[in-house]
């Protein structure tokens, strides 16, 4: 029987320093300066004496925060019995807490969904880091995943997700005639799952997943070839370029978009590189345009020596800018119509071309009615086809392929070439751009003068 009584405990008052009321068998009550009364138990394991403070303080009855005298004696007896068996109570409590933590973490991980994986993966591609990440900040990924993926399978548990759950997303897109979009979405989705397969805790959850085994051939419709049909070979003929010169002024396009088309055609720049141009990058007097490495797909800066044809279009854009009120003058060569402090979006250019080449003849809601304004005899053409046309025309004019590749700023894949061949071919590239500009000007019947007239 212990020495303490409930009456003795209740009557114990605080003092200037803390003191103890022993009960026996290692149990004692500590009375703090503020009057708090907590239980302590002394026990010995492997010759080492330890004192542990019980988490619940004294109370006349036991509840979640308090421990009665009788229950304190019972808990003390349990702790000392474990000690006699060589089990340290404190270590046992820590191990039990750790086991509970691991169990909770396991339950949390097991409940992870496709949406959780997306939220973890997206920041890794939304920020450009060297060659990793998306230049658009992941905007296109966010749009397509929100439209096709997250609403369909975002709630599904990763540990229970298989190809059979995902494949219908792509087949619905391809059955609607958008095979290219379906294959592009598959590439992005597999990138996300590949990232998950390389990082914990996702790797464990995806251990039995077969999603990475989905092939583009499994999701396309008709006779579409995911490899061959994704490699466009559309290049405009000279007759089509001549026709384009006649169609553009009547296509209800802004001067920045019309000029961007001619510059992509005459210089071979990508649409994203083109619309990212700032006036600080352009030197009209020295006929040059510097494209920073951060704006290029290859990650290599390009100094474009402007042909007379290209210079006329930059000059027209500058004259157009100078006619505007000062508060509307943008630092961007191709400013957005909605926000002149931002650049024209490359998708805006692509959509403007597509809207004016609608084979079904039906305008999209809120878009232009001029659905055939840019239709050419060779079929639909896109921004990147202008770049391909540039390279093809340079070839036809006798420009060596190596110079064509440099004008197009293709990445140099051979390490030895990058290290040992340091000639920049600036003069050869300048000659190639000038030669092409002269040819386009001839084909389009002095388009340069027409552009100048538009801004006069």
Protein backbone atom coordinates (compact mmCIF):
# COMPACT_ATOMS: atom_id res chain seq x y z
CA UNK A 1 0.00 0.00 0.00
CA UNK A 2 1.36 3.45 -0.91
CA UNK A 3 2.06 6.25 1.50
CA UNK A 4 0.01 8.90 -0.29
CA UNK A 5 -3.68 9.55 0.16
CA UNK A 6 -6.04 11.60 -1.94
CA UNK A 7 -6.54 13.97 1.02
CA UNK A 8 -2.78 14.48 1.37
CA UNK A 9 -2.46 15.21 -2.33
CA UNK A 10 -5.41 17.61 -2.40
CA UNK A 11 -4.08 19.51 0.63
CA UNK A 12 -0.54 19.84 -0.74
CA UNK A 13 0.21 23.53 -1.45
CA UNK A 14 2.87 25.15 -3.59
CA UNK A 15 6.08 26.41 -2.01
CA UNK A 16 8.93 28.65 -3.10
CA UNK A 17 10.60 25.63 -4.68
CA UNK A 18 9.23 22.44 -6.12
CA UNK A 19 9.07 19.43 -3.80
CA UNK A 20 8.12 15.73 -3.90
CA UNK A 21 5.61 13.56 -2.10
CA UNK A 22 6.78 9.92 -2.27
CA UNK A 23 4.24 7.12 -2.55
CA UNK A 24 6.65 4.17 -2.68
CA UNK A 25 7.66 1.58 -5.29
CA UNK A 26 9.25 4.34 -7.38
CA UNK A 27 6.13 6.52 -7.62
CA UNK A 28 6.15 10.10 -6.38
CA UNK A 29 4.18 13.31 -6.89
CA UNK A 30 6.01 16.49 -7.83
CA UNK A 31 4.40 19.71 -6.66
CA UNK A 32 5.62 22.64 -8.75
CA UNK A 33 5.99 26.27 -7.71
CA UNK A 34 2.78 27.10 -9.57
CA UNK A 35 0.93 24.32 -7.75
CA UNK A 36 0.89 21.88 -10.70
CA UNK A 37 1.01 18.26 -9.53
CA UNK A 38 2.61 15.71 -11.84
CA UNK A 39 3.44 12.03 -11.43
CA UNK A 40 6.98 10.70 -11.72
CA UNK A 41 8.22 7.10 -11.73
CA UNK A 42 11.72 5.90 -10.98
CA UNK A 43 12.92 2.62 -12.49
CA UNK A 44 16.16 0.89 -13.33
CA UNK A 45 17.07 -0.86 -16.59
CA UNK A 46 20.45 -2.52 -17.13
CA UNK A 47 21.83 -0.83 -14.02
CA UNK A 48 20.79 2.67 -15.10
CA UNK A 49 18.27 4.54 -12.97
CA UNK A 50 15.77 6.68 -14.93
CA UNK A 51 13.00 9.01 -13.85
CA UNK A 52 10.07 9.50 -16.21
CA UNK A 53 7.32 12.11 -15.88
CA UNK A 54 3.95 10.71 -16.81
CA UNK A 55 2.12 12.75 -19.46
CA UNK A 56 -1.08 13.10 -17.41
CA UNK A 57 -0.93 15.15 -14.22
CA UNK A 58 -2.75 14.33 -10.96
CA UNK A 59 -6.54 14.47 -10.86
CA UNK A 60 -9.13 13.03 -8.47
CA UNK A 61 -10.42 10.97 -11.41
CA UNK A 62 -8.73 9.75 -14.54
CA UNK A 63 -9.48 11.37 -17.89
CA UNK A 64 -7.52 12.33 -21.01
CA UNK A 65 -5.50 14.95 -19.11
CA UNK A 66 -5.44 13.58 -15.55
CA UNK A 67 -4.44 10.43 -13.68
CA UNK A 68 -5.88 9.42 -10.34
CA UNK A 69 -3.75 8.10 -7.50
CA UNK A 70 -4.94 4.52 -8.04
CA UNK A 71 -4.27 4.62 -11.78
CA UNK A 72 -0.89 6.28 -11.24
CA UNK A 73 0.11 3.37 -8.98
CA UNK A 74 -1.05 0.91 -11.63
CA UNK A 75 0.93 2.66 -14.38
CA UNK A 76 4.02 2.86 -12.14
CA UNK A 77 3.78 -0.86 -11.42
CA UNK A 78 3.54 -1.57 -15.18
CA UNK A 79 6.60 0.58 -15.93
CA UNK A 80 8.69 -1.09 -13.20
CA UNK A 81 7.56 -4.55 -14.32
CA UNK A 82 8.74 -3.78 -17.85
CA UNK A 83 12.02 -2.54 -16.40
CA UNK A 84 12.56 -5.82 -14.57
CA UNK A 85 12.13 -7.51 -17.97
CA UNK A 86 14.80 -5.24 -19.46
CA UNK A 87 12.37 -2.95 -21.31
CA UNK A 88 12.94 0.79 -21.01
CA UNK A 89 9.57 2.56 -20.75
CA UNK A 90 10.78 5.76 -22.41
CA UNK A 91 12.31 3.88 -25.31
CA UNK A 92 9.13 1.83 -25.63
CA UNK A 93 7.01 5.00 -25.75
CA UNK A 94 9.27 6.52 -28.43
CA UNK A 95 9.10 3.38 -30.51
CA UNK A 96 5.32 3.24 -30.22
CA UNK A 97 5.02 6.91 -31.21
CA UNK A 98 7.33 6.34 -34.16
CA UNK A 99 5.31 3.31 -35.24
CA UNK A 100 2.13 5.38 -35.05
CA UNK A 101 3.77 8.16 -37.06
CA UNK A 102 4.89 5.70 -39.73
CA UNK A 103 1.41 4.20 -39.86
CA UNK A 104 -0.17 7.64 -40.30
CA UNK A 105 2.36 8.49 -43.00
CA UNK A 106 1.68 5.18 -44.72
CA UNK A 107 -2.04 5.88 -44.66
CA UNK A 108 -1.43 9.37 -46.04
CA UNK A 109 0.75 8.04 -48.86
CA UNK A 110 -1.67 5.24 -49.68
CA UNK A 111 -4.40 7.86 -50.10
CA UNK A 112 -2.40 9.87 -52.64
CA UNK A 113 -4.13 10.51 -55.94
CA UNK A 114 -3.23 11.50 -59.48
CA UNK A 115 -3.92 15.08 -58.46
CA UNK A 116 -1.36 14.82 -55.66
CA UNK A 117 1.25 13.55 -58.11
CA UNK A 118 0.43 16.38 -60.54
CA UNK A 119 0.73 19.00 -57.77
CA UNK A 120 4.17 17.65 -56.83
CA UNK A 121 5.42 17.28 -60.42
CA UNK A 122 4.10 20.48 -61.99
CA UNK A 123 6.47 22.90 -60.17
CA UNK A 124 9.44 20.92 -61.52
CA UNK A 125 8.47 21.70 -65.12
CA UNK A 126 6.88 25.11 -64.59
CA UNK A 127 10.23 26.76 -63.88
CA UNK A 128 12.91 26.87 -66.54
CA UNK A 129 16.20 25.47 -65.19
CA UNK A 130 18.78 25.07 -67.92
CA UNK A 131 17.29 22.72 -70.47
CA UNK A 132 14.65 21.49 -68.04
CA UNK A 133 11.24 23.03 -67.62
CA UNK A 134 8.79 24.73 -69.95
CA UNK A 135 9.35 28.19 -71.35
CA UNK A 136 5.65 28.97 -71.02
CA UNK A 137 5.81 28.26 -67.30
CA UNK A 138 3.78 25.11 -67.78
CA UNK A 139 0.72 27.01 -69.08
CA UNK A 140 -0.05 24.51 -71.83
CA UNK A 141 0.41 21.57 -69.45
CA UNK A 142 -1.94 23.20 -66.94
CA UNK A 143 -4.54 23.82 -69.66
CA UNK A 144 -4.54 20.33 -71.18
CA UNK A 145 -4.39 18.50 -67.85
CA UNK A 146 -7.24 20.60 -66.47
CA UNK A 147 -9.29 19.93 -69.59
CA UNK A 148 -8.62 16.23 -70.15
CA UNK A 149 -6.88 14.59 -67.19
CA UNK A 150 -7.56 15.94 -63.73
CA UNK A 151 -11.33 15.97 -63.99
CA UNK A 152 -11.29 12.40 -65.29
CA UNK A 153 -8.73 10.63 -63.10
CA UNK A 154 -7.45 13.30 -60.70
CA UNK A 155 -9.32 11.71 -57.80
CA UNK A 156 -8.13 8.16 -58.45
CA UNK A 157 -5.67 6.50 -56.07
CA UNK A 158 -2.25 6.12 -57.65
CA UNK A 159 -1.79 2.66 -56.20
CA UNK A 160 -4.93 1.54 -58.03
CA UNK A 161 -4.40 3.34 -61.34
CA UNK A 162 -3.69 1.36 -64.48
CA UNK A 163 -3.51 1.88 -68.22
CA UNK A 164 -7.09 0.73 -68.62
CA UNK A 165 -8.17 3.77 -66.59
CA UNK A 166 -6.10 6.22 -68.63
CA UNK A 167 -6.36 4.97 -72.20
CA UNK A 168 -9.97 6.17 -72.75
CA UNK A 169 -8.85 9.76 -72.21
CA UNK A 170 -6.60 9.57 -75.26
CA UNK A 171 -8.89 7.53 -77.46
CA UNK A 172 -11.72 10.03 -76.99
CA UNK A 173 -9.40 12.79 -78.18
CA UNK A 174 -8.09 10.83 -81.16
CA UNK A 175 -11.58 9.60 -82.11
CA UNK A 176 -12.53 13.26 -82.33
CA UNK A 177 -9.89 13.70 -85.03
CA UNK A 178 -7.17 15.19 -82.81
CA UNK A 179 -4.57 12.42 -83.04
CA UNK A 180 -1.66 14.81 -82.69
CA UNK A 181 -3.15 16.34 -79.55
CA UNK A 182 -3.73 12.87 -78.10
CA UNK A 183 -0.13 11.80 -78.67
CA UNK A 184 1.21 15.09 -77.29
CA UNK A 185 -0.88 14.65 -74.14
CA UNK A 186 0.37 11.08 -73.78
CA UNK A 187 3.97 12.32 -73.90
CA UNK A 188 3.24 14.86 -71.14
CA UNK A 189 1.35 12.37 -68.97
CA UNK A 190 4.13 9.81 -69.27
CA UNK A 191 6.64 12.50 -68.33
CA UNK A 192 4.70 13.05 -65.12
CA UNK A 193 4.54 9.33 -64.33
CA UNK A 194 8.20 8.87 -65.24
CA UNK A 195 9.07 11.61 -62.75
CA UNK A 196 6.93 9.83 -60.17
CA UNK A 197 8.67 6.55 -60.92
CA UNK A 198 11.98 8.20 -60.00
CA UNK A 199 10.90 9.89 -56.77
CA UNK A 200 9.50 8.63 -53.47
CA UNK A 201 6.86 8.14 -52.24
CA UNK A 202 5.42 8.02 -55.74
CA UNK A 203 7.83 5.31 -56.88
CA UNK A 204 6.39 2.81 -54.41
CA UNK A 205 2.81 3.69 -55.33
CA UNK A 206 3.52 3.22 -59.04
CA UNK A 207 5.40 -0.07 -58.60
CA UNK A 208 2.66 -2.07 -60.30
CA UNK A 209 1.49 0.63 -62.72
CA UNK A 210 1.54 -0.15 -66.44
CA UNK A 211 0.86 3.39 -67.64
CA UNK A 212 4.40 3.94 -68.92
CA UNK A 213 3.85 0.97 -71.21
CA UNK A 214 1.11 2.77 -73.16
CA UNK A 215 2.29 3.39 -76.71
CA UNK A 216 1.16 6.12 -79.06
CA UNK A 217 0.09 3.38 -81.47
CA UNK A 218 -2.40 2.20 -78.82
CA UNK A 219 -4.37 5.45 -78.71
CA UNK A 220 -4.52 6.89 -82.22
CA UNK A 221 -7.41 6.39 -84.60
CA UNK A 222 -7.59 5.47 -88.26
CA UNK A 223 -4.36 5.12 -90.21
CA UNK A 224 -2.58 7.85 -88.30
CA UNK A 225 1.11 7.12 -87.82
CA UNK A 226 2.37 8.71 -84.56
CA UNK A 227 5.91 8.95 -85.91
CA UNK A 228 5.51 9.76 -89.60
CA UNK A 229 2.43 11.95 -89.26
CA UNK A 230 3.95 13.91 -86.37
CA UNK A 231 6.89 14.85 -88.58
CA UNK A 232 5.44 17.64 -90.67
CA UNK A 233 7.03 18.33 -94.01
CA UNK A 234 4.82 21.21 -95.11
CA UNK A 235 6.77 23.92 -96.87
CA UNK A 236 5.21 26.77 -98.82
CA UNK A 237 5.96 27.01 -102.52
CA UNK A 238 6.92 30.32 -104.11
CA UNK A 239 3.47 30.50 -105.68
CA UNK A 240 1.95 30.10 -102.22
CA UNK A 241 4.23 32.80 -100.81
CA UNK A 242 3.07 35.09 -103.61
CA UNK A 243 -0.55 34.23 -102.80
CA UNK A 244 0.13 34.82 -99.08
CA UNK A 245 1.34 38.34 -99.85
CA UNK A 246 -1.98 39.02 -101.52
CA UNK A 247 -4.09 37.44 -98.76
CA UNK A 248 -2.46 38.86 -95.62
CA UNK A 249 -3.56 42.52 -96.03
CA UNK A 250 -7.19 41.34 -96.28
CA UNK A 251 -7.04 38.75 -93.46
CA UNK A 252 -7.97 41.14 -90.66
CA UNK A 253 -4.70 40.57 -88.80
CA UNK A 254 -2.79 43.13 -86.75
CA UNK A 255 0.47 44.51 -88.08
CA UNK A 256 2.50 42.67 -85.39
CA UNK A 257 1.08 39.30 -86.47
CA UNK A 258 1.52 40.03 -90.19
CA UNK A 259 5.10 41.15 -89.60
CA UNK A 260 5.81 38.12 -87.40
CA UNK A 261 4.73 35.88 -90.29
CA UNK A 262 7.14 37.52 -92.73
CA UNK A 263 10.00 37.51 -90.24
CA UNK A 264 9.54 33.82 -89.41
CA UNK A 265 9.53 33.10 -93.13
CA UNK A 266 12.55 35.23 -94.03
CA UNK A 267 14.71 34.55 -90.96
CA UNK A 268 13.62 31.05 -89.89
CA UNK A 269 13.01 32.01 -86.27
CA UNK A 270 10.59 30.02 -84.14
CA UNK A 271 7.34 31.68 -83.18
CA UNK A 272 8.30 31.74 -79.49
CA UNK A 273 11.65 33.36 -80.30
CA UNK A 274 9.97 35.87 -82.56
CA UNK A 275 7.25 37.16 -80.24
CA UNK A 276 9.71 37.37 -77.33
CA UNK A 277 11.71 40.09 -79.12
CA UNK A 278 12.18 43.37 -77.27
CA UNK A 279 13.22 46.62 -78.90
CA UNK A 280 16.36 46.48 -76.75
CA UNK A 281 17.30 43.35 -78.76
CA UNK A 282 16.93 45.09 -82.11
CA UNK A 283 19.46 47.49 -83.66
CA UNK A 284 17.85 49.02 -86.74
CA UNK A 285 20.91 51.09 -87.57
CA UNK A 286 23.24 48.07 -87.62
CA UNK A 287 20.55 45.77 -89.04
CA UNK A 288 20.80 43.20 -86.26
CA UNK A 289 18.52 41.31 -83.88
CA UNK A 290 19.95 39.58 -80.82
CA UNK A 291 17.94 36.59 -79.60
CA UNK A 292 19.04 35.76 -76.02
CA UNK A 293 19.78 32.16 -75.09
CA UNK A 294 16.82 32.19 -72.74
CA UNK A 295 14.48 32.79 -75.68
CA UNK A 296 15.81 29.99 -77.91
CA UNK A 297 14.90 26.32 -77.94
CA UNK A 298 18.54 25.30 -78.33
CA UNK A 299 19.63 27.40 -75.36
CA UNK A 300 22.18 29.15 -77.60
CA UNK A 301 21.94 32.88 -78.30
CA UNK A 302 21.61 33.91 -81.94
CA UNK A 303 22.65 37.18 -83.57
CA UNK A 304 20.52 37.63 -86.67
CA UNK A 305 21.87 39.91 -89.36
CA UNK A 306 18.75 41.41 -90.87
CA UNK A 307 18.20 41.33 -94.60
CA UNK A 308 16.71 44.42 -96.22
CA UNK A 309 13.41 42.52 -96.35
CA UNK A 310 13.43 41.74 -92.62
CA UNK A 311 14.68 45.21 -91.72
CA UNK A 312 11.72 46.76 -93.55
CA UNK A 313 9.32 44.83 -91.34
CA UNK A 314 11.11 45.80 -88.12
CA UNK A 315 11.19 49.42 -89.33
CA UNK A 316 7.47 49.27 -90.07
CA UNK A 317 6.80 47.99 -86.55
CA UNK A 318 8.93 50.76 -85.06
CA UNK A 319 7.14 53.43 -87.12
CA UNK A 320 3.78 51.97 -86.01
CA UNK A 321 4.94 52.10 -82.40
CA UNK A 322 6.09 55.72 -82.68
CA UNK A 323 2.67 56.77 -83.97
CA UNK A 324 1.04 55.59 -80.75
CA UNK A 325 0.61 57.75 -77.64
CA UNK A 326 3.66 57.42 -75.41
CA UNK A 327 1.77 55.52 -72.72
CA UNK A 328 0.84 52.82 -75.28
CA UNK A 329 4.36 52.30 -76.63
CA UNK A 330 5.58 48.88 -75.61
CA UNK A 331 9.07 47.55 -74.96
CA UNK A 332 7.99 44.46 -76.87
CA UNK A 333 8.37 44.37 -80.64
CA UNK A 334 5.19 42.28 -80.84
CA UNK A 335 3.02 43.50 -77.94
CA UNK A 336 -0.18 41.84 -76.84
CA UNK A 337 -3.36 43.59 -77.94
CA UNK A 338 -4.89 43.14 -74.50
CA UNK A 339 -1.89 44.07 -72.39
CA UNK A 340 0.80 46.16 -74.03
CA UNK A 341 3.20 45.49 -71.15
CA UNK A 342 3.24 41.82 -72.21
CA UNK A 343 4.46 40.12 -75.36
CA UNK A 344 2.14 38.62 -77.92
CA UNK A 345 1.47 35.01 -76.98
CA UNK A 346 2.82 32.49 -79.49
CA UNK A 347 -0.46 30.56 -79.27
CA UNK A 348 -2.30 33.73 -80.26
CA UNK A 349 -0.36 33.75 -83.52
CA UNK A 350 -1.00 30.05 -84.12
CA UNK A 351 -4.71 30.40 -83.42
CA UNK A 352 -4.96 33.42 -85.71
CA UNK A 353 -3.58 31.33 -88.57
CA UNK A 354 -5.73 28.29 -87.76
CA UNK A 355 -8.91 30.39 -87.46
CA UNK A 356 -8.38 31.63 -91.00
CA UNK A 357 -7.88 28.12 -92.41
CA UNK A 358 -10.91 26.27 -91.02
CA UNK A 359 -11.65 23.44 -93.41
CA UNK A 360 -15.23 23.06 -92.12
CA UNK A 361 -15.96 26.70 -92.87
CA UNK A 362 -17.41 27.29 -89.41
CA UNK A 363 -15.95 30.05 -87.23
CA UNK A 364 -15.32 29.37 -83.59
CA UNK A 365 -17.44 31.36 -81.10
CA UNK A 366 -16.03 34.82 -80.54
CA UNK A 367 -13.39 34.41 -83.26
CA UNK A 368 -12.98 35.79 -86.78
CA UNK A 369 -15.57 35.14 -89.45
CA UNK A 370 -12.84 35.11 -92.11
CA UNK A 371 -12.41 31.35 -91.91
CA UNK A 372 -10.75 30.98 -95.35
CA UNK A 373 -8.71 34.19 -95.41
CA UNK A 374 -5.34 32.40 -95.37
CA UNK A 375 -6.14 29.16 -97.17
CA UNK A 376 -3.35 28.20 -99.58
CA UNK A 377 -3.34 25.61 -102.34
CA UNK A 378 -0.91 23.28 -100.57
CA UNK A 379 -3.13 22.80 -97.54
CA UNK A 380 -3.04 24.01 -93.96
CA UNK A 381 0.14 25.79 -92.87
CA UNK A 382 1.36 26.69 -89.40
CA UNK A 383 3.99 28.93 -87.84
CA UNK A 384 6.64 26.22 -87.83
CA UNK A 385 6.01 25.54 -91.52
CA UNK A 386 7.31 29.06 -92.20
CA UNK A 387 10.57 28.13 -90.51
CA UNK A 388 10.75 24.95 -92.59
CA UNK A 389 10.04 26.98 -95.73
CA UNK A 390 12.89 29.33 -94.83
CA UNK A 391 15.36 26.45 -94.60
CA UNK A 392 14.04 24.83 -97.78
CA UNK A 393 14.30 28.05 -99.79
CA UNK A 394 17.84 28.65 -98.53
CA UNK A 395 18.74 25.17 -99.77
CA UNK A 396 17.21 25.88 -103.16
CA UNK A 397 19.25 29.08 -103.39
CA UNK A 398 22.50 27.14 -102.94
CA UNK A 399 23.14 27.93 -99.26
CA UNK A 400 25.19 25.06 -97.73
CA UNK A 401 23.20 22.91 -95.32
CA UNK A 402 25.62 23.66 -92.49
CA UNK A 403 24.85 27.37 -92.85
CA UNK A 404 21.12 26.70 -93.07
CA UNK A 405 21.29 24.81 -89.76
CA UNK A 406 23.16 27.70 -88.16
CA UNK A 407 20.64 30.24 -89.45
CA UNK A 408 17.88 28.09 -87.95
CA UNK A 409 19.92 27.87 -84.73
CA UNK A 410 19.69 24.10 -84.56
CA UNK A 411 21.48 22.62 -81.55
CA UNK A 412 24.98 21.33 -82.29
CA UNK A 413 24.92 17.79 -80.97
CA UNK A 414 28.55 16.87 -81.64
CA UNK A 415 30.64 17.77 -78.59
CA UNK A 416 33.89 17.88 -80.57
CA UNK A 417 32.36 20.33 -83.01
CA UNK A 418 31.24 22.57 -80.16
CA UNK A 419 34.65 22.47 -78.52
CA UNK A 420 37.03 22.71 -81.47
CA UNK A 421 35.15 24.42 -84.31
CA UNK A 422 34.74 27.98 -83.08
CA UNK A 423 34.25 29.94 -86.30
CA UNK A 424 30.86 31.66 -86.03
CA UNK A 425 30.08 31.85 -89.77
CA UNK A 426 28.51 35.28 -89.16
CA UNK A 427 29.30 36.59 -92.64
CA UNK A 428 28.03 33.41 -94.33
CA UNK A 429 24.81 33.53 -92.31
CA UNK A 430 24.34 37.21 -93.12
CA UNK A 431 24.71 36.45 -96.80
CA UNK A 432 22.19 33.60 -96.54
CA UNK A 433 19.56 35.77 -94.84
CA UNK A 434 20.10 38.55 -97.36
CA UNK A 435 19.86 36.14 -100.29
CA UNK A 436 16.59 34.70 -98.98
CA UNK A 437 15.17 38.15 -98.23
CA UNK A 438 15.88 39.27 -101.78
CA UNK A 439 14.19 36.18 -103.16
CA UNK A 440 11.06 36.64 -101.05
CA UNK A 441 10.92 40.33 -101.98
CA UNK A 442 11.06 39.36 -105.66
CA UNK A 443 8.43 36.64 -105.28
CA UNK A 444 6.04 38.92 -103.40
CA UNK A 445 6.44 41.77 -105.88
CA UNK A 446 8.21 44.27 -103.69
CA UNK A 447 6.39 43.43 -100.46
CA UNK A 448 8.87 45.71 -98.68
CA UNK A 449 7.40 48.79 -100.29
CA UNK A 450 3.86 47.57 -99.51
CA UNK A 451 4.74 47.24 -95.82
CA UNK A 452 6.21 50.71 -95.74
CA UNK A 453 3.07 52.08 -97.42
CA UNK A 454 0.85 50.45 -94.76
CA UNK A 455 2.47 52.49 -91.99
CA UNK A 456 2.88 55.72 -93.93
